[in-house]
């Protein structure tokens, strides 16, 4: 059943959502699920977790280096 805008008055849980679930509740569940997975991954696979963190840091450093090179090229 599709609700029209006139049918959604106040804070009814089914207004603007699919299946009647609250977007805030879905966001909370996904956030806590992701956090639980992160803790589990760090606790049981610390070597792999540190490798991933190193790769992310390397990628951020490469992006910063590229941005610096670009700005240097534009200024000169």
PDB file of N, CA and C in Angstrom:
ATOM      1  N   UNK A   1       0.845  -1.181   0.000  1.00  0.00           N
ATOM      2  CA  UNK A   1       0.000   0.000   0.000  1.00  0.00           C
ATOM      3  C   UNK A   1       0.882   1.233   0.000  1.00  0.00           C
ATOM      4  N   UNK A   2       0.602   2.138  -0.884  1.00  0.00           N
ATOM      5  CA  UNK A   2       1.374   3.370  -0.975  1.00  0.00           C
ATOM      6  C   UNK A   2       0.609   4.495  -0.301  1.00  0.00           C
ATOM      7  N   UNK A   3       1.316   5.247   0.547  1.00  0.00           N
ATOM      8  CA  UNK A   3       0.688   6.347   1.267  1.00  0.00           C
ATOM      9  C   UNK A   3       0.909   7.652   0.514  1.00  0.00           C
ATOM     10  N   UNK A   4      -0.108   8.445   0.433  1.00  0.00           N
ATOM     11  CA  UNK A   4       0.010   9.763  -0.168  1.00  0.00           C
ATOM     12  C   UNK A   4       0.560  10.723   0.877  1.00  0.00           C
ATOM     13  N   UNK A   5       1.054  11.876   0.427  1.00  0.00           N
ATOM     14  CA  UNK A   5       1.615  12.859   1.353  1.00  0.00           C
ATOM     15  C   UNK A   5       0.574  13.306   2.374  1.00  0.00           C
ATOM     16  N   UNK A   6      -0.681  13.363   1.966  1.00  0.00           N
ATOM     17  CA  UNK A   6      -1.735  13.787   2.883  1.00  0.00           C
ATOM     18  C   UNK A   6      -1.985  12.736   3.964  1.00  0.00           C
ATOM     19  N   UNK A   7      -1.640  11.463   3.686  1.00  0.00           N
ATOM     20  CA  UNK A   7      -1.844  10.400   4.662  1.00  0.00           C
ATOM     21  C   UNK A   7      -0.778  10.408   5.751  1.00  0.00           C
ATOM     22  N   UNK A   8       0.360  11.058   5.504  1.00  0.00           N
ATOM     23  CA  UNK A   8       1.465  11.079   6.465  1.00  0.00           C
ATOM     24  C   UNK A   8       1.378  12.333   7.312  1.00  0.00           C
ATOM     25  N   UNK A   9       0.809  12.186   8.483  1.00  0.00           N
ATOM     26  CA  UNK A   9       0.651  13.312   9.395  1.00  0.00           C
ATOM     27  C   UNK A   9       1.385  12.971  10.680  1.00  0.00           C
ATOM     28  N   UNK A  10       2.178  13.911  11.162  1.00  0.00           N
ATOM     29  CA  UNK A  10       2.883  13.679  12.417  1.00  0.00           C
ATOM     30  C   UNK A  10       4.072  12.757  12.225  1.00  0.00           C
ATOM     31  N   UNK A  11       4.339  11.941  13.223  1.00  0.00           N
ATOM     32  CA  UNK A  11       5.494  11.043  13.202  1.00  0.00           C
ATOM     33  C   UNK A  11       5.073   9.593  13.035  1.00  0.00           C
ATOM     34  N   UNK A  12       4.226   9.333  12.075  1.00  0.00           N
ATOM     35  CA  UNK A  12       3.792   7.966  11.839  1.00  0.00           C
ATOM     36  C   UNK A  12       4.964   7.142  11.338  1.00  0.00           C
ATOM     37  N   UNK A  13       5.165   5.923  11.851  1.00  0.00           N
ATOM     38  CA  UNK A  13       6.333   5.136  11.478  1.00  0.00           C
ATOM     39  C   UNK A  13       6.366   4.693  10.025  1.00  0.00           C
ATOM     40  N   UNK A  14       5.228   4.618   9.335  1.00  0.00           N
ATOM     41  CA  UNK A  14       5.217   4.115   7.962  1.00  0.00           C
ATOM     42  C   UNK A  14       5.372   5.210   6.918  1.00  0.00           C
ATOM     43  N   UNK A  15       5.441   6.452   7.310  1.00  0.00           N
ATOM     44  CA  UNK A  15       5.521   7.541   6.349  1.00  0.00           C
ATOM     45  C   UNK A  15       6.934   7.672   5.801  1.00  0.00           C
ATOM     46  N   UNK A  16       7.072   7.570   4.488  1.00  0.00           N
ATOM     47  CA  UNK A  16       8.336   7.795   3.825  1.00  0.00           C
ATOM     48  C   UNK A  16       9.344   6.666   3.930  1.00  0.00           C
ATOM     49  N   UNK A  17       8.946   5.505   4.393  1.00  0.00           N
ATOM     50  CA  UNK A  17       9.889   4.393   4.511  1.00  0.00           C
ATOM     51  C   UNK A  17       9.343   3.176   3.797  1.00  0.00           C
ATOM     52  N   UNK A  18      10.214   2.281   3.441  1.00  0.00           N
ATOM     53  CA  UNK A  18       9.823   1.043   2.795  1.00  0.00           C
ATOM     54  C   UNK A  18       9.642  -0.012   3.865  1.00  0.00           C
ATOM     55  N   UNK A  19       8.530  -0.651   3.904  1.00  0.00           N
ATOM     56  CA  UNK A  19       8.297  -1.719   4.862  1.00  0.00           C
ATOM     57  C   UNK A  19       8.021  -1.247   6.270  1.00  0.00           C
ATOM     58  N   UNK A  20       7.903   0.032   6.491  1.00  0.00           N
ATOM     59  CA  UNK A  20       7.557   0.535   7.808  1.00  0.00           C
ATOM     60  C   UNK A  20       8.733   0.674   8.756  1.00  0.00           C
ATOM     61  N   UNK A  21       9.978   0.368   8.335  1.00  0.00           N
ATOM     62  CA  UNK A  21      11.144   0.500   9.209  1.00  0.00           C
ATOM     63  C   UNK A  21      11.623   1.935   9.270  1.00  0.00           C
ATOM     64  N   UNK A  22      12.094   2.336  10.416  1.00  0.00           N
ATOM     65  CA  UNK A  22      12.595   3.688  10.590  1.00  0.00           C
ATOM     66  C   UNK A  22      14.010   3.797  10.018  1.00  0.00           C
ATOM     67  N   UNK A  23      14.275   4.807   9.205  1.00  0.00           N
ATOM     68  CA  UNK A  23      15.639   4.968   8.667  1.00  0.00           C
ATOM     69  C   UNK A  23      16.678   5.129   9.775  1.00  0.00           C
ATOM     70  N   UNK A  24      16.305   5.787  10.868  1.00  0.00           N
ATOM     71  CA  UNK A  24      17.238   5.950  11.979  1.00  0.00           C
ATOM     72  C   UNK A  24      17.562   4.605  12.621  1.00  0.00           C
ATOM     73  N   UNK A  25      16.575   3.743  12.741  1.00  0.00           N
ATOM     74  CA  UNK A  25      16.804   2.432  13.343  1.00  0.00           C
ATOM     75  C   UNK A  25      17.688   1.575  12.447  1.00  0.00           C
ATOM     76  N   UNK A  26      17.473   1.639  11.143  1.00  0.00           N
ATOM     77  CA  UNK A  26      18.294   0.890  10.201  1.00  0.00           C
ATOM     78  C   UNK A  26      19.728   1.389  10.267  1.00  0.00           C
ATOM     79  N   UNK A  27      19.902   2.713  10.355  1.00  0.00           N
ATOM     80  CA  UNK A  27      21.232   3.299  10.453  1.00  0.00           C
ATOM     81  C   UNK A  27      21.930   2.832  11.739  1.00  0.00           C
ATOM     82  N   UNK A  28      21.200   2.794  12.845  1.00  0.00           N
ATOM     83  CA  UNK A  28      21.772   2.327  14.106  1.00  0.00           C
ATOM     84  C   UNK A  28      22.205   0.872  14.015  1.00  0.00           C
ATOM     85  N   UNK A  29      21.367   0.049  13.434  1.00  0.00           N
ATOM     86  CA  UNK A  29      21.677  -1.384  13.318  1.00  0.00           C
ATOM     87  C   UNK A  29      22.918  -1.591  12.451  1.00  0.00           C
ATOM     88  N   UNK A  30      22.983  -0.900  11.317  1.00  0.00           N
ATOM     89  CA  UNK A  30      24.140  -1.038  10.433  1.00  0.00           C
ATOM     90  C   UNK A  30      25.409  -0.489  11.086  1.00  0.00           C
ATOM     91  N   UNK A  31      25.294   0.609  11.819  1.00  0.00           N
ATOM     92  CA  UNK A  31      26.446   1.185  12.500  1.00  0.00           C
ATOM     93  C   UNK A  31      26.986   0.240  13.560  1.00  0.00           C
ATOM     94  N   UNK A  32      26.100  -0.277  14.422  1.00  0.00           N
ATOM     95  CA  UNK A  32      26.538  -1.190  15.478  1.00  0.00           C
ATOM     96  C   UNK A  32      27.035  -2.510  14.906  1.00  0.00           C
ATOM     97  N   UNK A  33      26.410  -2.976  13.837  1.00  0.00           N
ATOM     98  CA  UNK A  33      26.876  -4.196  13.179  1.00  0.00           C
ATOM     99  C   UNK A  33      28.272  -4.014  12.599  1.00  0.00           C
ATOM    100  N   UNK A  34      28.500  -2.878  11.963  1.00  0.00           N
ATOM    101  CA  UNK A  34      29.818  -2.584  11.415  1.00  0.00           C
ATOM    102  C   UNK A  34      30.872  -2.451  12.500  1.00  0.00           C
ATOM    103  N   UNK A  35      30.508  -1.811  13.604  1.00  0.00           N
ATOM    104  CA  UNK A  35      31.433  -1.676  14.727  1.00  0.00           C
ATOM    105  C   UNK A  35      31.760  -3.033  15.342  1.00  0.00           C
ATOM    106  N   UNK A  36      30.765  -3.882  15.489  1.00  0.00           N
ATOM    107  CA  UNK A  36      30.992  -5.225  16.028  1.00  0.00           C
ATOM    108  C   UNK A  36      31.904  -6.023  15.099  1.00  0.00           C
ATOM    109  N   UNK A  37      31.695  -5.918  13.799  1.00  0.00           N
ATOM    110  CA  UNK A  37      32.560  -6.611  12.844  1.00  0.00           C
ATOM    111  C   UNK A  37      33.987  -6.090  12.931  1.00  0.00           C
ATOM    112  N   UNK A  38      34.144  -4.782  13.061  1.00  0.00           N
ATOM    113  CA  UNK A  38      35.475  -4.184  13.166  1.00  0.00           C
ATOM    114  C   UNK A  38      36.214  -4.688  14.402  1.00  0.00           C
ATOM    115  N   UNK A  39      35.539  -4.717  15.540  1.00  0.00           N
ATOM    116  CA  UNK A  39      36.152  -5.212  16.772  1.00  0.00           C
ATOM    117  C   UNK A  39      36.515  -6.686  16.624  1.00  0.00           C
ATOM    118  N   UNK A  40      35.619  -7.481  16.060  1.00  0.00           N
ATOM    119  CA  UNK A  40      35.878  -8.900  15.842  1.00  0.00           C
ATOM    120  C   UNK A  40      37.088  -9.086  14.929  1.00  0.00           C
ATOM    121  N   UNK A  41      37.146  -8.311  13.845  1.00  0.00           N
ATOM    122  CA  UNK A  41      38.235  -8.426  12.878  1.00  0.00           C
ATOM    123  C   UNK A  41      39.572  -8.064  13.518  1.00  0.00           C
ATOM    124  N   UNK A  42      39.600  -6.993  14.315  1.00  0.00           N
ATOM    125  CA  UNK A  42      40.834  -6.582  14.971  1.00  0.00           C
ATOM    126  C   UNK A  42      41.255  -7.606  16.028  1.00  0.00           C
ATOM    127  N   UNK A  43      40.297  -8.161  16.751  1.00  0.00           N
ATOM    128  CA  UNK A  43      40.611  -9.103  17.822  1.00  0.00           C
ATOM    129  C   UNK A  43      41.112 -10.442  17.290  1.00  0.00           C
ATOM    130  N   UNK A  44      40.524 -10.939  16.218  1.00  0.00           N
ATOM    131  CA  UNK A  44      40.860 -12.268  15.734  1.00  0.00           C
ATOM    132  C   UNK A  44      41.803 -12.290  14.535  1.00  0.00           C
ATOM    133  N   UNK A  45      41.996 -11.174  13.875  1.00  0.00           N
ATOM    134  CA  UNK A  45      42.901 -11.088  12.720  1.00  0.00           C
ATOM    135  C   UNK A  45      43.721  -9.790  12.803  1.00  0.00           C
ATOM    136  N   UNK A  46      44.509  -9.614  13.850  1.00  0.00           N
ATOM    137  CA  UNK A  46      45.217  -8.329  14.009  1.00  0.00           C
ATOM    138  C   UNK A  46      46.231  -8.043  12.902  1.00  0.00           C
ATOM    139  N   UNK A  47      46.896  -9.078  12.386  1.00  0.00           N
ATOM    140  CA  UNK A  47      47.896  -8.854  11.331  1.00  0.00           C
ATOM    141  C   UNK A  47      47.226  -8.343  10.060  1.00  0.00           C
ATOM    142  N   UNK A  48      46.114  -8.967   9.683  1.00  0.00           N
ATOM    143  CA  UNK A  48      45.392  -8.519   8.488  1.00  0.00           C
ATOM    144  C   UNK A  48      44.807  -7.124   8.691  1.00  0.00           C
ATOM    145  N   UNK A  49      44.302  -6.850   9.905  1.00  0.00           N
ATOM    146  CA  UNK A  49      43.727  -5.530  10.196  1.00  0.00           C
ATOM    147  C   UNK A  49      44.801  -4.444  10.093  1.00  0.00           C
ATOM    148  N   UNK A  50      45.999  -4.725  10.606  1.00  0.00           N
ATOM    149  CA  UNK A  50      47.063  -3.723  10.524  1.00  0.00           C
ATOM    150  C   UNK A  50      47.503  -3.520   9.077  1.00  0.00           C
ATOM    151  N   UNK A  51      47.474  -4.584   8.279  1.00  0.00           N
ATOM    152  CA  UNK A  51      47.802  -4.443   6.864  1.00  0.00           C
ATOM    153  C   UNK A  51      46.818  -3.554   6.132  1.00  0.00           C
ATOM    154  N   UNK A  52      45.542  -3.714   6.449  1.00  0.00           N
ATOM    155  CA  UNK A  52      44.508  -2.888   5.817  1.00  0.00           C
ATOM    156  C   UNK A  52      44.660  -1.430   6.231  1.00  0.00           C
ATOM    157  N   UNK A  53      44.936  -1.197   7.518  1.00  0.00           N
ATOM    158  CA  UNK A  53      45.138   0.179   7.992  1.00  0.00           C
ATOM    159  C   UNK A  53      46.348   0.794   7.295  1.00  0.00           C
ATOM    160  N   UNK A  54      47.404   0.015   7.129  1.00  0.00           N
ATOM    161  CA  UNK A  54      48.582   0.509   6.422  1.00  0.00           C
ATOM    162  C   UNK A  54      48.280   0.864   4.975  1.00  0.00           C
ATOM    163  N   UNK A  55      47.475   0.039   4.311  1.00  0.00           N
ATOM    164  CA  UNK A  55      47.100   0.321   2.921  1.00  0.00           C
ATOM    165  C   UNK A  55      46.256   1.586   2.821  1.00  0.00           C
ATOM    166  N   UNK A  56      45.347   1.768   3.763  1.00  0.00           N
ATOM    167  CA  UNK A  56      44.507   2.972   3.758  1.00  0.00           C
ATOM    168  C   UNK A  56      45.373   4.208   3.984  1.00  0.00           C
ATOM    169  N   UNK A  57      46.297   4.131   4.963  1.00  0.00           N
ATOM    170  CA  UNK A  57      47.178   5.261   5.235  1.00  0.00           C
ATOM    171  C   UNK A  57      48.058   5.569   4.027  1.00  0.00           C
ATOM    172  N   UNK A  58      48.553   4.541   3.364  1.00  0.00           N
ATOM    173  CA  UNK A  58      49.365   4.731   2.171  1.00  0.00           C
ATOM    174  C   UNK A  58      48.561   5.406   1.060  1.00  0.00           C
ATOM    175  N   UNK A  59      47.318   4.980   0.896  1.00  0.00           N
ATOM    176  CA  UNK A  59      46.451   5.590  -0.112  1.00  0.00           C
ATOM    177  C   UNK A  59      46.175   7.051   0.181  1.00  0.00           C
ATOM    178  N   UNK A  60      45.953   7.384   1.449  1.00  0.00           N
ATOM    179  CA  UNK A  60      45.721   8.784   1.831  1.00  0.00           C
ATOM    180  C   UNK A  60      46.988   9.603   1.576  1.00  0.00           C
ATOM    181  N   UNK A  61      48.147   9.019   1.918  1.00  0.00           N
ATOM    182  CA  UNK A  61      49.407   9.718   1.672  1.00  0.00           C
ATOM    183  C   UNK A  61      49.640   9.953   0.189  1.00  0.00           C
ATOM    184  N   UNK A  62      49.352   8.952  -0.640  1.00  0.00           N
ATOM    185  CA  UNK A  62      49.507   9.101  -2.094  1.00  0.00           C
ATOM    186  C   UNK A  62      48.575  10.177  -2.635  1.00  0.00           C
ATOM    187  N   UNK A  63      47.339  10.221  -2.123  1.00  0.00           N
ATOM    188  CA  UNK A  63      46.389  11.243  -2.568  1.00  0.00           C
ATOM    189  C   UNK A  63      46.875  12.639  -2.171  1.00  0.00           C
ATOM    190  N   UNK A  64      47.401  12.776  -0.959  1.00  0.00           N
ATOM    191  CA  UNK A  64      47.914  14.072  -0.509  1.00  0.00           C
ATOM    192  C   UNK A  64      49.115  14.492  -1.344  1.00  0.00           C
ATOM    193  N   UNK A  65      49.979  13.543  -1.662  1.00  0.00           N
ATOM    194  CA  UNK A  65      51.149  13.835  -2.497  1.00  0.00           C
ATOM    195  C   UNK A  65      50.697  14.297  -3.882  1.00  0.00           C
ATOM    196  N   UNK A  66      49.721  13.624  -4.454  1.00  0.00           N
ATOM    197  CA  UNK A  66      49.202  14.019  -5.761  1.00  0.00           C
ATOM    198  C   UNK A  66      48.571  15.397  -5.735  1.00  0.00           C
ATOM    199  N   UNK A  67      47.838  15.693  -4.674  1.00  0.00           N
ATOM    200  CA  UNK A  67      47.226  17.019  -4.541  1.00  0.00           C
ATOM    201  C   UNK A  67      48.305  18.090  -4.422  1.00  0.00           C
ATOM    202  N   UNK A  68      49.341  17.805  -3.645  1.00  0.00           N
ATOM    203  CA  UNK A  68      50.447  18.756  -3.515  1.00  0.00           C
ATOM    204  C   UNK A  68      51.151  18.990  -4.837  1.00  0.00           C
ATOM    205  N   UNK A  69      51.380  17.914  -5.596  1.00  0.00           N
ATOM    206  CA  UNK A  69      52.000  18.047  -6.922  1.00  0.00           C
ATOM    207  C   UNK A  69      51.118  18.886  -7.862  1.00  0.00           C
ATOM    208  N   UNK A  70      49.821  18.664  -7.799  1.00  0.00           N
ATOM    209  CA  UNK A  70      48.892  19.427  -8.641  1.00  0.00           C
ATOM    210  C   UNK A  70      48.935  20.905  -8.291  1.00  0.00           C
ATOM    211  N   UNK A  71      48.877  21.211  -7.006  1.00  0.00           N
ATOM    212  CA  UNK A  71      48.886  22.626  -6.588  1.00  0.00           C
ATOM    213  C   UNK A  71      50.218  23.274  -6.959  1.00  0.00           C
ATOM    214  N   UNK A  72      51.321  22.547  -6.781  1.00  0.00           N
ATOM    215  CA  UNK A  72      52.628  23.075  -7.180  1.00  0.00           C
ATOM    216  C   UNK A  72      52.668  23.365  -8.671  1.00  0.00           C
ATOM    217  N   UNK A  73      52.102  22.494  -9.470  1.00  0.00           N
ATOM    218  CA  UNK A  73      52.061  22.683 -10.911  1.00  0.00           C
ATOM    219  C   UNK A  73      51.215  23.873 -11.326  1.00  0.00           C
ATOM    220  N   UNK A  74      50.128  24.106 -10.613  1.00  0.00           N
ATOM    221  CA  UNK A  74      49.245  25.228 -10.936  1.00  0.00           C
ATOM    222  C   UNK A  74      49.885  26.547 -10.543  1.00  0.00           C
ATOM    223  N   UNK A  75      50.550  26.595  -9.409  1.00  0.00           N
ATOM    224  CA  UNK A  75      51.152  27.832  -8.917  1.00  0.00           C
ATOM    225  C   UNK A  75      52.347  28.237  -9.763  1.00  0.00           C
ATOM    226  N   UNK A  76      53.142  27.280 -10.207  1.00  0.00           N
ATOM    227  CA  UNK A  76      54.360  27.613 -10.978  1.00  0.00           C
ATOM    228  C   UNK A  76      54.024  27.840 -12.377  1.00  0.00           C
TER     229      UNK A  76
END
